[in-house]
Amino acid sequence: MPEAPDVETAWTWLLERRPGTRGWFDDTLPPVAAAAHAEPRLRRFFPFHTHGTLKFCRDAPPWYEPPVDDLPYVVLGEPPYSVYTADITRLGVVSTAEDAIALVVAHLPPDTGGDGAGRPS
């Protein structure tokens, strides 16, 4: 499965459900992906659909080492949605995709601008 070459393309492919790309086959992904894309603080991350989750990577490929996996993520499926930290601590269970994304944003590490300040330059 080809990886998108950059963050913007990854979001486009995810939202379009481009055949053959990450998440295109997962019917539970669209509401969470749309809610995540609507959040400016998440749009700068590389959206990464894997094993029934929507994760966010700090950088786009190519990854010469495994990507930094330290951001909260959403377990996909029918609502309610579970949100976890990267170390698999459950942050909560919420009833909407928008609430799941709000929980992700509320638990972003400070160096990512999770407080709404934006990513450091």
C-alpha atoms as a PDB file:
ATOM      1  CA  MET A   1       0.000   0.000   0.000  1.00  0.00           C
ATOM      2  CA  PRO A   2       1.582   3.307  -1.011  1.00  0.00           C
ATOM      3  CA  GLU A   3       2.193   5.926   1.658  1.00  0.00           C
ATOM      4  CA  ALA A   4       1.283   9.492   0.879  1.00  0.00           C
ATOM      5  CA  PRO A   5       4.417  11.569   0.285  1.00  0.00           C
ATOM      6  CA  ASP A   6       3.367  14.449   2.544  1.00  0.00           C
ATOM      7  CA  VAL A   7       0.835  15.471   5.171  1.00  0.00           C
ATOM      8  CA  GLU A   8      -1.525  17.318   2.817  1.00  0.00           C
ATOM      9  CA  THR A   9      -1.695  14.413   0.390  1.00  0.00           C
ATOM     10  CA  ALA A  10      -2.267  11.966   3.237  1.00  0.00           C
ATOM     11  CA  TRP A  11      -5.286  13.966   4.403  1.00  0.00           C
ATOM     12  CA  THR A  12      -6.637  14.227   0.854  1.00  0.00           C
ATOM     13  CA  TRP A  13      -6.322  10.500   0.227  1.00  0.00           C
ATOM     14  CA  LEU A  14      -7.836   9.683   3.615  1.00  0.00           C
ATOM     15  CA  LEU A  15     -10.849  11.949   3.124  1.00  0.00           C
ATOM     16  CA  GLU A  16     -11.370  10.862  -0.496  1.00  0.00           C
ATOM     17  CA  ARG A  17     -10.962   7.204   0.470  1.00  0.00           C
ATOM     18  CA  ARG A  18      -8.601   6.776  -2.454  1.00  0.00           C
ATOM     19  CA  PRO A  19      -8.585   3.047  -3.359  1.00  0.00           C
ATOM     20  CA  GLY A  20      -5.471   1.177  -2.345  1.00  0.00           C
ATOM     21  CA  THR A  21      -4.402   3.707   0.311  1.00  0.00           C
ATOM     22  CA  ARG A  22      -4.574   3.625   4.101  1.00  0.00           C
ATOM     23  CA  GLY A  23      -8.112   3.359   5.391  1.00  0.00           C
ATOM     24  CA  TRP A  24      -9.898   3.384   2.042  1.00  0.00           C
ATOM     25  CA  PHE A  25     -11.691   0.136   2.921  1.00  0.00           C
ATOM     26  CA  ASP A  26     -12.718   1.066   6.490  1.00  0.00           C
ATOM     27  CA  ASP A  27     -16.331   2.265   6.573  1.00  0.00           C
ATOM     28  CA  THR A  28     -15.939   3.415  10.194  1.00  0.00           C
ATOM     29  CA  LEU A  29     -13.151   5.868   9.350  1.00  0.00           C
ATOM     30  CA  PRO A  30     -14.951   8.758   7.547  1.00  0.00           C
ATOM     31  CA  PRO A  31     -16.634  10.438  10.541  1.00  0.00           C
ATOM     32  CA  VAL A  32     -13.459  10.372  12.634  1.00  0.00           C
ATOM     33  CA  ALA A  33     -11.263  11.445   9.718  1.00  0.00           C
ATOM     34  CA  ALA A  34     -13.593  14.356   8.920  1.00  0.00           C
ATOM     35  CA  ALA A  35     -13.670  15.474  12.559  1.00  0.00           C
ATOM     36  CA  ALA A  36      -9.869  15.218  12.779  1.00  0.00           C
ATOM     37  CA  HIS A  37      -9.383  17.191   9.569  1.00  0.00           C
ATOM     38  CA  ALA A  38     -11.696  19.919  10.892  1.00  0.00           C
ATOM     39  CA  GLU A  39      -9.279  20.425  13.810  1.00  0.00           C
ATOM     40  CA  PRO A  40      -6.407  22.708  12.699  1.00  0.00           C
ATOM     41  CA  ARG A  41      -4.064  21.365  15.378  1.00  0.00           C
ATOM     42  CA  LEU A  42      -4.361  17.864  13.909  1.00  0.00           C
ATOM     43  CA  ARG A  43      -4.160  18.811  10.219  1.00  0.00           C
ATOM     44  CA  ARG A  44      -0.424  19.386  10.526  1.00  0.00           C
ATOM     45  CA  PHE A  45       0.127  15.744  11.535  1.00  0.00           C
ATOM     46  CA  PHE A  46       0.326  12.781   9.179  1.00  0.00           C
ATOM     47  CA  PRO A  47      -2.935  10.796   9.587  1.00  0.00           C
ATOM     48  CA  PHE A  48      -2.119   7.110   9.909  1.00  0.00           C
ATOM     49  CA  HIS A  49      -4.868   4.486   9.716  1.00  0.00           C
ATOM     50  CA  THR A  50      -3.685   1.182  11.137  1.00  0.00           C
ATOM     51  CA  HIS A  51      -5.247  -1.829  12.838  1.00  0.00           C
ATOM     52  CA  GLY A  52      -8.648  -0.212  13.351  1.00  0.00           C
ATOM     53  CA  THR A  53      -7.270   3.054  14.691  1.00  0.00           C
ATOM     54  CA  LEU A  54      -6.618   6.566  13.472  1.00  0.00           C
ATOM     55  CA  LYS A  55      -3.215   7.688  14.688  1.00  0.00           C
ATOM     56  CA  PHE A  56      -1.270  10.862  14.040  1.00  0.00           C
ATOM     57  CA  CYS A  57       2.443  10.980  13.235  1.00  0.00           C
ATOM     58  CA  ARG A  58       4.577  14.059  13.700  1.00  0.00           C
ATOM     59  CA  ASP A  59       6.210  13.671  10.294  1.00  0.00           C
ATOM     60  CA  ALA A  60       5.395  12.330   6.858  1.00  0.00           C
ATOM     61  CA  PRO A  61       7.344   9.476   5.300  1.00  0.00           C
ATOM     62  CA  PRO A  62       9.859   8.423   4.368  1.00  0.00           C
ATOM     63  CA  TRP A  63      10.529   7.154   7.856  1.00  0.00           C
ATOM     64  CA  TYR A  64      14.088   5.940   8.243  1.00  0.00           C
ATOM     65  CA  GLU A  65      13.204   4.670  11.679  1.00  0.00           C
ATOM     66  CA  PRO A  66       9.729   3.903  12.954  1.00  0.00           C
ATOM     67  CA  PRO A  67       7.725   7.140  13.112  1.00  0.00           C
ATOM     68  CA  VAL A  68       7.436   8.851  16.467  1.00  0.00           C
ATOM     69  CA  ASP A  69       4.298   7.333  17.945  1.00  0.00           C
ATOM     70  CA  ASP A  70       3.619   9.493  20.993  1.00  0.00           C
ATOM     71  CA  LEU A  71       0.293  11.145  20.192  1.00  0.00           C
ATOM     72  CA  PRO A  72      -3.186  10.094  21.333  1.00  0.00           C
ATOM     73  CA  TYR A  73      -5.300   8.081  18.911  1.00  0.00           C
ATOM     74  CA  VAL A  74      -8.882   6.974  18.300  1.00  0.00           C
ATOM     75  CA  VAL A  75     -10.098   3.391  18.087  1.00  0.00           C
ATOM     76  CA  LEU A  76     -12.482   3.218  15.151  1.00  0.00           C
ATOM     77  CA  GLY A  77     -15.767   1.378  14.962  1.00  0.00           C
ATOM     78  CA  GLU A  78     -19.302   2.296  15.783  1.00  0.00           C
ATOM     79  CA  PRO A  79     -19.775   4.859  18.577  1.00  0.00           C
ATOM     80  CA  PRO A  80     -18.864   5.087  21.341  1.00  0.00           C
ATOM     81  CA  TYR A  81     -15.249   5.819  20.478  1.00  0.00           C
ATOM     82  CA  SER A  82     -12.317   5.040  22.748  1.00  0.00           C
ATOM     83  CA  VAL A  83      -9.349   7.387  22.853  1.00  0.00           C
ATOM     84  CA  TYR A  84      -5.940   6.228  24.083  1.00  0.00           C
ATOM     85  CA  THR A  85      -2.514   7.634  24.742  1.00  0.00           C
ATOM     86  CA  ALA A  86       0.413   6.171  22.826  1.00  0.00           C
ATOM     87  CA  ASP A  87       1.292   4.061  25.879  1.00  0.00           C
ATOM     88  CA  ILE A  88      -2.206   2.523  25.713  1.00  0.00           C
ATOM     89  CA  THR A  89      -3.771   4.354  28.635  1.00  0.00           C
ATOM     90  CA  ARG A  90      -7.438   4.929  27.933  1.00  0.00           C
ATOM     91  CA  LEU A  91      -8.279   8.627  28.100  1.00  0.00           C
ATOM     92  CA  GLY A  92     -11.988   8.129  27.729  1.00  0.00           C
ATOM     93  CA  VAL A  93     -14.958   6.792  25.856  1.00  0.00           C
ATOM     94  CA  VAL A  94     -17.137   9.318  24.029  1.00  0.00           C
ATOM     95  CA  SER A  95     -20.251   9.171  21.911  1.00  0.00           C
ATOM     96  CA  THR A  96     -19.260  11.253  18.868  1.00  0.00           C
ATOM     97  CA  ALA A  97     -16.330  11.508  16.493  1.00  0.00           C
ATOM     98  CA  GLU A  98     -16.051  15.217  17.331  1.00  0.00           C
ATOM     99  CA  ASP A  99     -15.785  14.447  21.052  1.00  0.00           C
ATOM    100  CA  ALA A 100     -13.141  11.809  20.333  1.00  0.00           C
ATOM    101  CA  ILE A 101     -11.064  14.320  18.393  1.00  0.00           C
ATOM    102  CA  ALA A 102     -11.525  16.948  21.115  1.00  0.00           C
ATOM    103  CA  LEU A 103     -10.134  14.425  23.605  1.00  0.00           C
ATOM    104  CA  VAL A 104      -7.143  13.753  21.343  1.00  0.00           C
ATOM    105  CA  VAL A 105      -6.429  17.481  21.050  1.00  0.00           C
ATOM    106  CA  ALA A 106      -6.829  18.043  24.785  1.00  0.00           C
ATOM    107  CA  HIS A 107      -4.111  15.453  25.414  1.00  0.00           C
ATOM    108  CA  LEU A 108      -1.562  16.467  22.793  1.00  0.00           C
ATOM    109  CA  PRO A 109       1.907  16.903  24.286  1.00  0.00           C
ATOM    110  CA  PRO A 110       2.832  20.541  25.030  1.00  0.00           C
ATOM    111  CA  ASP A 111       5.517  20.586  22.327  1.00  0.00           C
ATOM    112  CA  THR A 112       2.825  20.032  19.675  1.00  0.00           C
ATOM    113  CA  GLY A 113       0.791  23.074  20.602  1.00  0.00           C
ATOM    114  CA  GLY A 114      -1.914  20.994  22.246  1.00  0.00           C
ATOM    115  CA  ASP A 115      -2.775  24.028  24.321  1.00  0.00           C
ATOM    116  CA  GLY A 116      -3.895  25.805  21.147  1.00  0.00           C
ATOM    117  CA  ALA A 117      -0.665  27.769  20.809  1.00  0.00           C
ATOM    118  CA  GLY A 118       0.302  26.067  17.566  1.00  0.00           C
ATOM    119  CA  ARG A 119       3.296  23.968  16.665  1.00  0.00           C
ATOM    120  CA  PRO A 120       6.671  25.539  17.437  1.00  0.00           C
ATOM    121  CA  SER A 121       8.520  26.747  14.342  1.00  0.00           C
END
